[in-house]
Amino acid sequence: MNCKNCNHSLRTDFGYCPVCGAKVIKNRLTLKHLWQDLSFQVFNLDNTLFKTIKHLMIRPEVVIESFITGARKKYMNPISFFAIAITLSGIMFFILRNVYEVN
């Protein structure tokens, strides 16, 4: 078995690649697995999404400065954050448009 990221050969008992540190995933990619991963990312108590939202409301300059200087594990990736914000905005627009439909 080889690492999917760096192609380094791995023993079967390894949980992480000793070269690049990537997690070894042995399960097949299924819809169930994708749903579990998504729900873990969204509803995890140590969630970077809620931490990013909270800190962007209180002190946005700290979030931006931290991300630029390299502290990227603490906050959510800006592209992912933007995608979630656009999706939620679209859903809210759709719901509100149907609720307050103008005749």
PDB file of N, CA and C in Angstrom:
ATOM      1  N   MET A   1       0.851  -1.176   0.000  1.00  0.00           N
ATOM      2  CA  MET A   1       0.000   0.000   0.000  1.00  0.00           C
ATOM      3  C   MET A   1       0.896   1.237   0.000  1.00  0.00           C
ATOM      4  N   ASN A   2       0.496   2.248  -0.779  1.00  0.00           N
ATOM      5  CA  ASN A   2       1.248   3.495  -0.871  1.00  0.00           C
ATOM      6  C   ASN A   2       0.396   4.665  -0.402  1.00  0.00           C
ATOM      7  N   CYS A   3       1.071   5.724   0.049  1.00  0.00           N
ATOM      8  CA  CYS A   3       0.398   6.960   0.438  1.00  0.00           C
ATOM      9  C   CYS A   3      -0.205   7.604  -0.808  1.00  0.00           C
ATOM     10  N   LYS A   4      -1.446   8.070  -0.691  1.00  0.00           N
ATOM     11  CA  LYS A   4      -2.122   8.698  -1.828  1.00  0.00           C
ATOM     12  C   LYS A   4      -1.556  10.079  -2.144  1.00  0.00           C
ATOM     13  N   ASN A   5      -0.880  10.709  -1.170  1.00  0.00           N
ATOM     14  CA  ASN A   5      -0.352  12.056  -1.377  1.00  0.00           C
ATOM     15  C   ASN A   5       1.079  12.068  -1.900  1.00  0.00           C
ATOM     16  N   CYS A   6       1.953  11.290  -1.256  1.00  0.00           N
ATOM     17  CA  CYS A   6       3.373  11.355  -1.627  1.00  0.00           C
ATOM     18  C   CYS A   6       3.893  10.059  -2.248  1.00  0.00           C
ATOM     19  N   ASN A   7       3.039   9.030  -2.339  1.00  0.00           N
ATOM     20  CA  ASN A   7       3.374   7.744  -2.947  1.00  0.00           C
ATOM     21  C   ASN A   7       4.455   6.973  -2.185  1.00  0.00           C
ATOM     22  N   HIS A   8       4.672   7.293  -0.917  1.00  0.00           N
ATOM     23  CA  HIS A   8       5.624   6.565  -0.078  1.00  0.00           C
ATOM     24  C   HIS A   8       4.997   5.234   0.320  1.00  0.00           C
ATOM     25  N   SER A   9       5.788   4.177   0.354  1.00  0.00           N
ATOM     26  CA  SER A   9       5.260   2.862   0.704  1.00  0.00           C
ATOM     27  C   SER A   9       4.931   2.816   2.199  1.00  0.00           C
ATOM     28  N   LEU A  10       3.766   2.222   2.519  1.00  0.00           N
ATOM     29  CA  LEU A  10       3.271   2.183   3.893  1.00  0.00           C
ATOM     30  C   LEU A  10       3.046   0.755   4.351  1.00  0.00           C
ATOM     31  N   ARG A  11       3.240   0.525   5.633  1.00  0.00           N
ATOM     32  CA  ARG A  11       2.846  -0.755   6.217  1.00  0.00           C
ATOM     33  C   ARG A  11       1.347  -0.707   6.484  1.00  0.00           C
ATOM     34  N   THR A  12       0.735  -1.868   6.584  1.00  0.00           N
ATOM     35  CA  THR A  12      -0.718  -1.924   6.750  1.00  0.00           C
ATOM     36  C   THR A  12      -1.172  -1.427   8.126  1.00  0.00           C
ATOM     37  N   ASP A  13      -0.282  -1.409   9.121  1.00  0.00           N
ATOM     38  CA  ASP A  13      -0.680  -0.961  10.456  1.00  0.00           C
ATOM     39  C   ASP A  13      -0.502   0.543  10.656  1.00  0.00           C
ATOM     40  N   PHE A  14      -0.022   1.259   9.649  1.00  0.00           N
ATOM     41  CA  PHE A  14       0.161   2.707   9.761  1.00  0.00           C
ATOM     42  C   PHE A  14      -1.189   3.414   9.692  1.00  0.00           C
ATOM     43  N   GLY A  15      -1.385   4.389  10.567  1.00  0.00           N
ATOM     44  CA  GLY A  15      -2.578   5.230  10.521  1.00  0.00           C
ATOM     45  C   GLY A  15      -2.311   6.532   9.786  1.00  0.00           C
ATOM     46  N   TYR A  16      -1.020   6.925   9.764  1.00  0.00           N
ATOM     47  CA  TYR A  16      -0.602   8.156   9.099  1.00  0.00           C
ATOM     48  C   TYR A  16       0.681   7.893   8.328  1.00  0.00           C
ATOM     49  N   CYS A  17       0.900   8.639   7.267  1.00  0.00           N
ATOM     50  CA  CYS A  17       2.119   8.515   6.477  1.00  0.00           C
ATOM     51  C   CYS A  17       3.277   9.130   7.257  1.00  0.00           C
ATOM     52  N   PRO A  18       4.395   8.404   7.426  1.00  0.00           N
ATOM     53  CA  PRO A  18       5.520   8.958   8.176  1.00  0.00           C
ATOM     54  C   PRO A  18       6.262  10.061   7.421  1.00  0.00           C
ATOM     55  N   VAL A  19       6.037  10.189   6.116  1.00  0.00           N
ATOM     56  CA  VAL A  19       6.742  11.197   5.322  1.00  0.00           C
ATOM     57  C   VAL A  19       5.966  12.511   5.287  1.00  0.00           C
ATOM     58  N   CYS A  20       4.694  12.455   4.861  1.00  0.00           N
ATOM     59  CA  CYS A  20       3.928  13.702   4.695  1.00  0.00           C
ATOM     60  C   CYS A  20       2.901  13.931   5.799  1.00  0.00           C
ATOM     61  N   GLY A  21       2.611  12.922   6.630  1.00  0.00           N
ATOM     62  CA  GLY A  21       1.676  13.081   7.734  1.00  0.00           C
ATOM     63  C   GLY A  21       0.217  12.927   7.365  1.00  0.00           C
ATOM     64  N   ALA A  22      -0.066  12.540   6.125  1.00  0.00           N
ATOM     65  CA  ALA A  22      -1.458  12.385   5.692  1.00  0.00           C
ATOM     66  C   ALA A  22      -2.085  11.165   6.358  1.00  0.00           C
ATOM     67  N   LYS A  23      -3.373  11.266   6.681  1.00  0.00           N
ATOM     68  CA  LYS A  23      -4.094  10.155   7.280  1.00  0.00           C
ATOM     69  C   LYS A  23      -4.308   9.074   6.230  1.00  0.00           C
ATOM     70  N   VAL A  24      -4.090   7.821   6.619  1.00  0.00           N
ATOM     71  CA  VAL A  24      -4.298   6.692   5.717  1.00  0.00           C
ATOM     72  C   VAL A  24      -5.774   6.323   5.767  1.00  0.00           C
ATOM     73  N   ILE A  25      -6.439   6.417   4.631  1.00  0.00           N
ATOM     74  CA  ILE A  25      -7.861   6.092   4.540  1.00  0.00           C
ATOM     75  C   ILE A  25      -7.989   4.749   3.839  1.00  0.00           C
ATOM     76  N   LYS A  26      -8.547   3.780   4.565  1.00  0.00           N
ATOM     77  CA  LYS A  26      -8.655   2.426   4.029  1.00  0.00           C
ATOM     78  C   LYS A  26     -10.065   2.109   3.545  1.00  0.00           C
ATOM     79  N   ASN A  27     -11.036   2.957   3.873  1.00  0.00           N
ATOM     80  CA  ASN A  27     -12.426   2.711   3.477  1.00  0.00           C
ATOM     81  C   ASN A  27     -12.680   3.188   2.059  1.00  0.00           C
ATOM     82  N   ARG A  28     -13.624   2.525   1.397  1.00  0.00           N
ATOM     83  CA  ARG A  28     -14.068   2.996   0.081  1.00  0.00           C
ATOM     84  C   ARG A  28     -14.873   4.268   0.264  1.00  0.00           C
ATOM     85  N   LEU A  29     -14.835   5.120  -0.737  1.00  0.00           N
ATOM     86  CA  LEU A  29     -15.589   6.366  -0.703  1.00  0.00           C
ATOM     87  C   LEU A  29     -17.031   6.084  -1.111  1.00  0.00           C
ATOM     88  N   THR A  30     -17.954   6.241  -0.165  1.00  0.00           N
ATOM     89  CA  THR A  30     -19.368   6.014  -0.426  1.00  0.00           C
ATOM     90  C   THR A  30     -20.153   7.259  -0.025  1.00  0.00           C
ATOM     91  N   LEU A  31     -21.420   7.307  -0.417  1.00  0.00           N
ATOM     92  CA  LEU A  31     -22.265   8.432  -0.017  1.00  0.00           C
ATOM     93  C   LEU A  31     -22.429   8.483   1.498  1.00  0.00           C
ATOM     94  N   LYS A  32     -22.511   7.319   2.119  1.00  0.00           N
ATOM     95  CA  LYS A  32     -22.629   7.267   3.575  1.00  0.00           C
ATOM     96  C   LYS A  32     -21.390   7.877   4.222  1.00  0.00           C
ATOM     97  N   HIS A  33     -20.220   7.520   3.718  1.00  0.00           N
ATOM     98  CA  HIS A  33     -18.973   8.057   4.260  1.00  0.00           C
ATOM     99  C   HIS A  33     -18.892   9.572   4.041  1.00  0.00           C
ATOM    100  N   LEU A  34     -19.303  10.051   2.865  1.00  0.00           N
ATOM    101  CA  LEU A  34     -19.297  11.491   2.589  1.00  0.00           C
ATOM    102  C   LEU A  34     -20.237  12.228   3.534  1.00  0.00           C
ATOM    103  N   TRP A  35     -21.430  11.666   3.762  1.00  0.00           N
ATOM    104  CA  TRP A  35     -22.391  12.285   4.665  1.00  0.00           C
ATOM    105  C   TRP A  35     -21.851  12.334   6.091  1.00  0.00           C
ATOM    106  N   GLN A  36     -21.222  11.241   6.544  1.00  0.00           N
ATOM    107  CA  GLN A  36     -20.653  11.214   7.886  1.00  0.00           C
ATOM    108  C   GLN A  36     -19.548  12.249   8.031  1.00  0.00           C
ATOM    109  N   ASP A  37     -18.707  12.375   7.023  1.00  0.00           N
ATOM    110  CA  ASP A  37     -17.626  13.351   7.065  1.00  0.00           C
ATOM    111  C   ASP A  37     -18.176  14.774   7.080  1.00  0.00           C
ATOM    112  N   LEU A  38     -19.182  15.042   6.255  1.00  0.00           N
ATOM    113  CA  LEU A  38     -19.791  16.372   6.217  1.00  0.00           C
ATOM    114  C   LEU A  38     -20.443  16.711   7.553  1.00  0.00           C
ATOM    115  N   SER A  39     -21.207  15.766   8.107  1.00  0.00           N
ATOM    116  CA  SER A  39     -21.870  16.033   9.384  1.00  0.00           C
ATOM    117  C   SER A  39     -20.852  16.209  10.505  1.00  0.00           C
ATOM    118  N   PHE A  40     -19.741  15.484  10.461  1.00  0.00           N
ATOM    119  CA  PHE A  40     -18.696  15.673  11.467  1.00  0.00           C
ATOM    120  C   PHE A  40     -18.090  17.063  11.346  1.00  0.00           C
ATOM    121  N   GLN A  41     -17.829  17.509  10.128  1.00  0.00           N
ATOM    122  CA  GLN A  41     -17.235  18.826   9.919  1.00  0.00           C
ATOM    123  C   GLN A  41     -18.175  19.944  10.364  1.00  0.00           C
ATOM    124  N   VAL A  42     -19.471  19.787  10.128  1.00  0.00           N
ATOM    125  CA  VAL A  42     -20.424  20.853  10.446  1.00  0.00           C
ATOM    126  C   VAL A  42     -20.794  20.859  11.921  1.00  0.00           C
ATOM    127  N   PHE A  43     -21.052  19.683  12.508  1.00  0.00           N
ATOM    128  CA  PHE A  43     -21.580  19.625  13.864  1.00  0.00           C
ATOM    129  C   PHE A  43     -20.540  19.310  14.933  1.00  0.00           C
ATOM    130  N   ASN A  44     -19.289  19.249  14.579  1.00  0.00           N
ATOM    131  CA  ASN A  44     -18.226  19.000  15.539  1.00  0.00           C
ATOM    132  C   ASN A  44     -18.153  20.165  16.523  1.00  0.00           C
ATOM    133  N   LEU A  45     -18.021  19.867  17.818  1.00  0.00           N
ATOM    134  CA  LEU A  45     -17.972  20.933  18.821  1.00  0.00           C
ATOM    135  C   LEU A  45     -16.724  21.797  18.676  1.00  0.00           C
ATOM    136  N   ASP A  46     -15.655  21.225  18.193  1.00  0.00           N
ATOM    137  CA  ASP A  46     -14.426  21.978  17.971  1.00  0.00           C
ATOM    138  C   ASP A  46     -14.416  22.457  16.519  1.00  0.00           C
ATOM    139  N   ASN A  47     -15.507  23.070  16.113  1.00  0.00           N
ATOM    140  CA  ASN A  47     -15.724  23.400  14.715  1.00  0.00           C
ATOM    141  C   ASN A  47     -15.075  24.715  14.335  1.00  0.00           C
ATOM    142  N   THR A  48     -14.334  24.695  13.251  1.00  0.00           N
ATOM    143  CA  THR A  48     -13.681  25.910  12.782  1.00  0.00           C
ATOM    144  C   THR A  48     -14.674  26.866  12.136  1.00  0.00           C
ATOM    145  N   LEU A  49     -15.811  26.357  11.625  1.00  0.00           N
ATOM    146  CA  LEU A  49     -16.811  27.232  11.005  1.00  0.00           C
ATOM    147  C   LEU A  49     -17.369  28.213  12.031  1.00  0.00           C
ATOM    148  N   PHE A  50     -17.832  27.706  13.168  1.00  0.00           N
ATOM    149  CA  PHE A  50     -18.425  28.581  14.177  1.00  0.00           C
ATOM    150  C   PHE A  50     -17.378  29.494  14.807  1.00  0.00           C
ATOM    151  N   LYS A  51     -16.170  28.969  14.987  1.00  0.00           N
ATOM    152  CA  LYS A  51     -15.088  29.795  15.523  1.00  0.00           C
ATOM    153  C   LYS A  51     -14.754  30.924  14.550  1.00  0.00           C
ATOM    154  N   THR A  52     -14.734  30.627  13.257  1.00  0.00           N
ATOM    155  CA  THR A  52     -14.446  31.647  12.248  1.00  0.00           C
ATOM    156  C   THR A  52     -15.537  32.707  12.233  1.00  0.00           C
ATOM    157  N   ILE A  53     -16.800  32.296  12.265  1.00  0.00           N
ATOM    158  CA  ILE A  53     -17.912  33.255  12.267  1.00  0.00           C
ATOM    159  C   ILE A  53     -17.844  34.147  13.504  1.00  0.00           C
ATOM    160  N   LYS A  54     -17.647  33.535  14.659  1.00  0.00           N
ATOM    161  CA  LYS A  54     -17.587  34.293  15.914  1.00  0.00           C
ATOM    162  C   LYS A  54     -16.458  35.318  15.879  1.00  0.00           C
ATOM    163  N   HIS A  55     -15.277  34.885  15.479  1.00  0.00           N
ATOM    164  CA  HIS A  55     -14.130  35.792  15.476  1.00  0.00           C
ATOM    165  C   HIS A  55     -14.222  36.833  14.365  1.00  0.00           C
ATOM    166  N   LEU A  56     -14.864  36.502  13.242  1.00  0.00           N
ATOM    167  CA  LEU A  56     -15.066  37.505  12.190  1.00  0.00           C
ATOM    168  C   LEU A  56     -16.026  38.601  12.647  1.00  0.00           C
ATOM    169  N   MET A  57     -16.982  38.263  13.504  1.00  0.00           N
ATOM    170  CA  MET A  57     -17.911  39.271  14.015  1.00  0.00           C
ATOM    171  C   MET A  57     -17.267  40.138  15.093  1.00  0.00           C
ATOM    172  N   ILE A  58     -16.435  39.532  15.933  1.00  0.00           N
ATOM    173  CA  ILE A  58     -15.842  40.264  17.054  1.00  0.00           C
ATOM    174  C   ILE A  58     -14.590  41.034  16.626  1.00  0.00           C
ATOM    175  N   ARG A  59     -13.619  40.332  16.038  1.00  0.00           N
ATOM    176  CA  ARG A  59     -12.346  40.955  15.653  1.00  0.00           C
ATOM    177  C   ARG A  59     -11.890  40.408  14.309  1.00  0.00           C
ATOM    178  N   PRO A  60     -12.438  40.896  13.211  1.00  0.00           N
ATOM    179  CA  PRO A  60     -12.099  40.350  11.893  1.00  0.00           C
ATOM    180  C   PRO A  60     -10.629  40.518  11.518  1.00  0.00           C
ATOM    181  N   GLU A  61      -9.994  41.571  12.012  1.00  0.00           N
ATOM    182  CA  GLU A  61      -8.584  41.784  11.662  1.00  0.00           C
ATOM    183  C   GLU A  61      -7.686  40.683  12.211  1.00  0.00           C
ATOM    184  N   VAL A  62      -8.050  40.110  13.351  1.00  0.00           N
ATOM    185  CA  VAL A  62      -7.256  39.025  13.940  1.00  0.00           C
ATOM    186  C   VAL A  62      -7.354  37.772  13.073  1.00  0.00           C
ATOM    187  N   VAL A  63      -8.553  37.476  12.572  1.00  0.00           N
ATOM    188  CA  VAL A  63      -8.743  36.306  11.711  1.00  0.00           C
ATOM    189  C   VAL A  63      -7.927  36.456  10.436  1.00  0.00           C
ATOM    190  N   ILE A  64      -8.016  37.613   9.808  1.00  0.00           N
ATOM    191  CA  ILE A  64      -7.304  37.846   8.554  1.00  0.00           C
ATOM    192  C   ILE A  64      -5.800  37.802   8.771  1.00  0.00           C
ATOM    193  N   GLU A  65      -5.333  38.477   9.818  1.00  0.00           N
ATOM    194  CA  GLU A  65      -3.894  38.499  10.104  1.00  0.00           C
ATOM    195  C   GLU A  65      -3.372  37.106  10.444  1.00  0.00           C
ATOM    196  N   SER A  66      -4.140  36.350  11.229  1.00  0.00           N
ATOM    197  CA  SER A  66      -3.723  34.989  11.590  1.00  0.00           C
ATOM    198  C   SER A  66      -3.602  34.109  10.357  1.00  0.00           C
ATOM    199  N   PHE A  67      -4.574  34.211   9.465  1.00  0.00           N
ATOM    200  CA  PHE A  67      -4.540  33.377   8.267  1.00  0.00           C
ATOM    201  C   PHE A  67      -3.370  33.755   7.371  1.00  0.00           C
ATOM    202  N   ILE A  68      -3.112  35.050   7.236  1.00  0.00           N
ATOM    203  CA  ILE A  68      -2.014  35.501   6.380  1.00  0.00           C
ATOM    204  C   ILE A  68      -0.663  35.093   6.954  1.00  0.00           C
ATOM    205  N   THR A  69      -0.515  35.158   8.279  1.00  0.00           N
ATOM    206  CA  THR A  69       0.770  34.813   8.896  1.00  0.00           C
ATOM    207  C   THR A  69       0.993  33.314   9.021  1.00  0.00           C
ATOM    208  N   GLY A  70      -0.020  32.501   8.722  1.00  0.00           N
ATOM    209  CA  GLY A  70       0.202  31.059   8.679  1.00  0.00           C
ATOM    210  C   GLY A  70      -0.549  30.239   9.700  1.00  0.00           C
ATOM    211  N   ALA A  71      -1.310  30.851  10.613  1.00  0.00           N
ATOM    212  CA  ALA A  71      -2.086  30.100  11.607  1.00  0.00           C
ATOM    213  C   ALA A  71      -3.395  29.668  10.961  1.00  0.00           C
ATOM    214  N   ARG A  72      -3.340  28.648  10.127  1.00  0.00           N
ATOM    215  CA  ARG A  72      -4.500  28.280   9.309  1.00  0.00           C
ATOM    216  C   ARG A  72      -5.335  27.149   9.888  1.00  0.00           C
ATOM    217  N   LYS A  73      -4.851  26.446  10.889  1.00  0.00           N
ATOM    218  CA  LYS A  73      -5.629  25.354  11.479  1.00  0.00           C
ATOM    219  C   LYS A  73      -6.746  25.891  12.370  1.00  0.00           C
ATOM    220  N   LYS A  74      -6.552  27.080  12.917  1.00  0.00           N
ATOM    221  CA  LYS A  74      -7.500  27.651  13.864  1.00  0.00           C
ATOM    222  C   LYS A  74      -8.809  28.062  13.192  1.00  0.00           C
ATOM    223  N   TYR A  75      -8.726  28.530  11.949  1.00  0.00           N
ATOM    224  CA  TYR A  75      -9.898  29.055  11.257  1.00  0.00           C
ATOM    225  C   TYR A  75     -10.178  28.255   9.993  1.00  0.00           C
ATOM    226  N   MET A  76     -11.399  28.403   9.502  1.00  0.00           N
ATOM    227  CA  MET A  76     -11.814  27.703   8.290  1.00  0.00           C
ATOM    228  C   MET A  76     -11.164  28.321   7.060  1.00  0.00           C
ATOM    229  N   ASN A  77     -10.900  27.484   6.076  1.00  0.00           N
ATOM    230  CA  ASN A  77     -10.352  27.932   4.800  1.00  0.00           C
ATOM    231  C   ASN A  77     -11.293  28.982   4.198  1.00  0.00           C
ATOM    232  N   PRO A  78     -10.762  30.127   3.733  1.00  0.00           N
ATOM    233  CA  PRO A  78     -11.632  31.187   3.214  1.00  0.00           C
ATOM    234  C   PRO A  78     -12.486  30.767   2.017  1.00  0.00           C
ATOM    235  N   ILE A  79     -11.964  29.895   1.162  1.00  0.00           N
ATOM    236  CA  ILE A  79     -12.741  29.442   0.004  1.00  0.00           C
ATOM    237  C   ILE A  79     -13.924  28.592   0.467  1.00  0.00           C
ATOM    238  N   SER A  80     -13.700  27.692   1.421  1.00  0.00           N
ATOM    239  CA  SER A  80     -14.788  26.873   1.964  1.00  0.00           C
ATOM    240  C   SER A  80     -15.808  27.743   2.688  1.00  0.00           C
ATOM    241  N   PHE A  81     -15.312  28.712   3.450  1.00  0.00           N
ATOM    242  CA  PHE A  81     -16.203  29.626   4.162  1.00  0.00           C
ATOM    243  C   PHE A  81     -17.073  30.406   3.176  1.00  0.00           C
ATOM    244  N   PHE A  82     -16.463  30.880   2.099  1.00  0.00           N
ATOM    245  CA  PHE A  82     -17.194  31.623   1.072  1.00  0.00           C
ATOM    246  C   PHE A  82     -18.249  30.738   0.411  1.00  0.00           C
ATOM    247  N   ALA A  83     -17.891  29.487   0.117  1.00  0.00           N
ATOM    248  CA  ALA A  83     -18.838  28.564  -0.517  1.00  0.00           C
ATOM    249  C   ALA A  83     -20.033  28.299   0.394  1.00  0.00           C
ATOM    250  N   ILE A  84     -19.791  28.110   1.677  1.00  0.00           N
ATOM    251  CA  ILE A  84     -20.884  27.882   2.626  1.00  0.00           C
ATOM    252  C   ILE A  84     -21.751  29.132   2.742  1.00  0.00           C
ATOM    253  N   ALA A  85     -21.124  30.308   2.802  1.00  0.00           N
ATOM    254  CA  ALA A  85     -21.881  31.560   2.908  1.00  0.00           C
ATOM    255  C   ALA A  85     -22.763  31.780   1.682  1.00  0.00           C
ATOM    256  N   ILE A  86     -22.230  31.515   0.496  1.00  0.00           N
ATOM    257  CA  ILE A  86     -23.014  31.675  -0.733  1.00  0.00           C
ATOM    258  C   ILE A  86     -24.177  30.680  -0.763  1.00  0.00           C
ATOM    259  N   THR A  87     -23.925  29.448  -0.359  1.00  0.00           N
ATOM    260  CA  THR A  87     -24.981  28.431  -0.338  1.00  0.00           C
ATOM    261  C   THR A  87     -26.095  28.814   0.628  1.00  0.00           C
ATOM    262  N   LEU A  88     -25.730  29.220   1.841  1.00  0.00           N
ATOM    263  CA  LEU A  88     -26.741  29.623   2.821  1.00  0.00           C
ATOM    264  C   LEU A  88     -27.507  30.859   2.359  1.00  0.00           C
ATOM    265  N   SER A  89     -26.820  31.797   1.730  1.00  0.00           N
ATOM    266  CA  SER A  89     -27.494  32.993   1.200  1.00  0.00           C
ATOM    267  C   SER A  89     -28.493  32.610   0.115  1.00  0.00           C
ATOM    268  N   GLY A  90     -28.114  31.689  -0.751  1.00  0.00           N
ATOM    269  CA  GLY A  90     -29.020  31.236  -1.803  1.00  0.00           C
ATOM    270  C   GLY A  90     -30.244  30.543  -1.249  1.00  0.00           C
ATOM    271  N   ILE A  91     -30.053  29.702  -0.243  1.00  0.00           N
ATOM    272  CA  ILE A  91     -31.182  29.005   0.384  1.00  0.00           C
ATOM    273  C   ILE A  91     -32.118  30.008   1.053  1.00  0.00           C
ATOM    274  N   MET A  92     -31.539  30.972   1.780  1.00  0.00           N
ATOM    275  CA  MET A  92     -32.368  31.993   2.438  1.00  0.00           C
ATOM    276  C   MET A  92     -33.123  32.833   1.410  1.00  0.00           C
ATOM    277  N   PHE A  93     -32.467  33.191   0.318  1.00  0.00           N
ATOM    278  CA  PHE A  93     -33.120  33.966  -0.735  1.00  0.00           C
ATOM    279  C   PHE A  93     -34.293  33.190  -1.322  1.00  0.00           C
ATOM    280  N   PHE A  94     -34.089  31.904  -1.587  1.00  0.00           N
ATOM    281  CA  PHE A  94     -35.143  31.062  -2.152  1.00  0.00           C
ATOM    282  C   PHE A  94     -36.336  30.970  -1.206  1.00  0.00           C
ATOM    283  N   ILE A  95     -36.063  30.742   0.078  1.00  0.00           N
ATOM    284  CA  ILE A  95     -37.143  30.617   1.067  1.00  0.00           C
ATOM    285  C   ILE A  95     -37.889  31.939   1.220  1.00  0.00           C
ATOM    286  N   LEU A  96     -37.157  33.033   1.388  1.00  0.00           N
ATOM    287  CA  LEU A  96     -37.802  34.332   1.585  1.00  0.00           C
ATOM    288  C   LEU A  96     -38.569  34.784   0.347  1.00  0.00           C
ATOM    289  N   ARG A  97     -38.064  34.463  -0.824  1.00  0.00           N
ATOM    290  CA  ARG A  97     -38.764  34.828  -2.055  1.00  0.00           C
ATOM    291  C   ARG A  97     -40.107  34.112  -2.135  1.00  0.00           C
ATOM    292  N   ASN A  98     -40.141  32.852  -1.713  1.00  0.00           N
ATOM    293  CA  ASN A  98     -41.395  32.093  -1.746  1.00  0.00           C
ATOM    294  C   ASN A  98     -42.353  32.515  -0.634  1.00  0.00           C
ATOM    295  N   VAL A  99     -41.827  32.896   0.524  1.00  0.00           N
ATOM    296  CA  VAL A  99     -42.679  33.314   1.635  1.00  0.00           C
ATOM    297  C   VAL A  99     -43.298  34.679   1.356  1.00  0.00           C
ATOM    298  N   TYR A 100     -42.491  35.610   0.880  1.00  0.00           N
ATOM    299  CA  TYR A 100     -42.955  36.976   0.621  1.00  0.00           C
ATOM    300  C   TYR A 100     -43.112  37.218  -0.875  1.00  0.00           C
ATOM    301  N   GLU A 101     -43.798  36.318  -1.523  1.00  0.00           N
ATOM    302  CA  GLU A 101     -43.968  36.411  -2.968  1.00  0.00           C
ATOM    303  C   GLU A 101     -44.823  37.622  -3.325  1.00  0.00           C
ATOM    304  N   VAL A 102     -44.315  38.432  -4.254  1.00  0.00           N
ATOM    305  CA  VAL A 102     -45.017  39.636  -4.688  1.00  0.00           C
ATOM    306  C   VAL A 102     -45.930  39.270  -5.847  1.00  0.00           C
ATOM    307  N   ASN A 103     -47.184  39.680  -5.763  1.00  0.00           N
ATOM    308  CA  ASN A 103     -48.147  39.370  -6.829  1.00  0.00           C
ATOM    309  C   ASN A 103     -48.194  40.461  -7.854  1.00  0.00           C
TER     310      ASN A 103
END
